[in-house]
């Protein structure tokens, strides 16, 4: 049986907050990240819940949350990725 890990740090921002911070429409945000447009619509309307890990990842990709230390170190060191 797999035991889920406890969350690390504060909860990630909601998809709408992340998207609004980018200044993109739902369609443009979905296309930018390869996510179906309908998924973004459903997450923002509350019809579906976006997984915390994905919200955290999108926030990091968009520069709204810090990258975990090992990833940040690898990204800042040329030739490590």
Protein backbone atom coordinates (compact mmCIF):
# COMPACT_ATOMS: atom_id res chain seq x y z
CA UNK A 1 0.00 0.00 0.00
CA UNK A 2 1.28 3.44 -0.90
CA UNK A 3 1.21 6.02 1.86
CA UNK A 4 0.74 9.57 0.58
CA UNK A 5 3.34 12.08 1.66
CA UNK A 6 2.16 14.99 3.77
CA UNK A 7 2.01 18.34 1.96
CA UNK A 8 5.19 20.39 1.98
CA UNK A 9 4.74 24.07 2.67
CA UNK A 10 1.61 26.12 2.11
CA UNK A 11 -1.06 24.93 -0.31
CA UNK A 12 -0.47 25.91 -3.92
CA UNK A 13 -2.50 28.73 -5.47
CA UNK A 14 -5.70 27.95 -7.34
CA UNK A 15 -5.54 27.57 -11.12
CA UNK A 16 -7.44 30.81 -11.70
CA UNK A 17 -4.90 32.73 -9.59
CA UNK A 18 -2.01 31.19 -11.50
CA UNK A 19 -3.63 31.89 -14.88
CA UNK A 20 -4.57 35.48 -14.00
CA UNK A 21 -0.99 36.16 -12.88
CA UNK A 22 0.17 35.16 -16.36
CA UNK A 23 -2.31 37.49 -18.03
CA UNK A 24 -3.43 34.67 -20.33
CA UNK A 25 -6.94 33.64 -21.30
CA UNK A 26 -8.11 30.16 -20.37
CA UNK A 27 -7.50 29.02 -23.94
CA UNK A 28 -3.98 30.49 -24.12
CA UNK A 29 -3.07 29.10 -20.67
CA UNK A 30 -4.31 25.64 -21.67
CA UNK A 31 -2.38 25.72 -24.94
CA UNK A 32 0.79 26.97 -23.25
CA UNK A 33 0.81 24.01 -20.87
CA UNK A 34 -0.70 21.31 -23.10
CA UNK A 35 -3.80 21.02 -20.92
CA UNK A 36 -7.27 20.54 -22.39
CA UNK A 37 -9.18 23.83 -22.38
CA UNK A 38 -12.16 22.11 -20.79
CA UNK A 39 -10.00 21.02 -17.83
CA UNK A 40 -8.99 24.61 -17.13
CA UNK A 41 -12.64 25.70 -17.39
CA UNK A 42 -13.77 22.92 -15.04
CA UNK A 43 -11.06 23.67 -12.47
CA UNK A 44 -11.86 27.37 -12.45
CA UNK A 45 -15.63 26.85 -12.24
CA UNK A 46 -15.33 24.29 -9.45
CA UNK A 47 -16.80 21.48 -11.56
CA UNK A 48 -13.55 19.54 -11.05
CA UNK A 49 -10.58 19.79 -8.70
CA UNK A 50 -7.06 20.17 -10.00
CA UNK A 51 -4.52 18.05 -8.13
CA UNK A 52 -2.31 19.92 -5.67
CA UNK A 53 0.85 18.60 -7.31
CA UNK A 54 -0.21 20.02 -10.68
CA UNK A 55 -1.15 23.41 -9.22
CA UNK A 56 2.20 23.50 -7.42
CA UNK A 57 4.04 22.58 -10.64
CA UNK A 58 2.20 25.19 -12.71
CA UNK A 59 2.90 27.86 -10.08
CA UNK A 60 6.59 26.95 -10.15
CA UNK A 61 6.75 26.92 -13.95
CA UNK A 62 5.12 30.35 -14.05
CA UNK A 63 7.56 31.73 -11.46
CA UNK A 64 4.91 32.16 -8.76
CA UNK A 65 6.44 29.69 -6.30
CA UNK A 66 10.03 28.69 -5.61
CA UNK A 67 11.37 25.50 -7.11
CA UNK A 68 12.38 22.76 -4.66
CA UNK A 69 16.06 23.16 -3.67
CA UNK A 70 17.44 20.17 -5.65
CA UNK A 71 15.70 21.29 -8.84
CA UNK A 72 16.69 24.93 -8.35
CA UNK A 73 20.32 23.86 -7.90
CA UNK A 74 20.26 21.72 -11.04
CA UNK A 75 18.66 24.47 -13.11
CA UNK A 76 21.18 27.08 -11.96
CA UNK A 77 24.20 24.87 -12.72
CA UNK A 78 24.96 24.67 -16.45
CA UNK A 79 25.17 21.17 -17.89
CA UNK A 80 23.31 19.42 -15.06
CA UNK A 81 20.02 18.85 -16.84
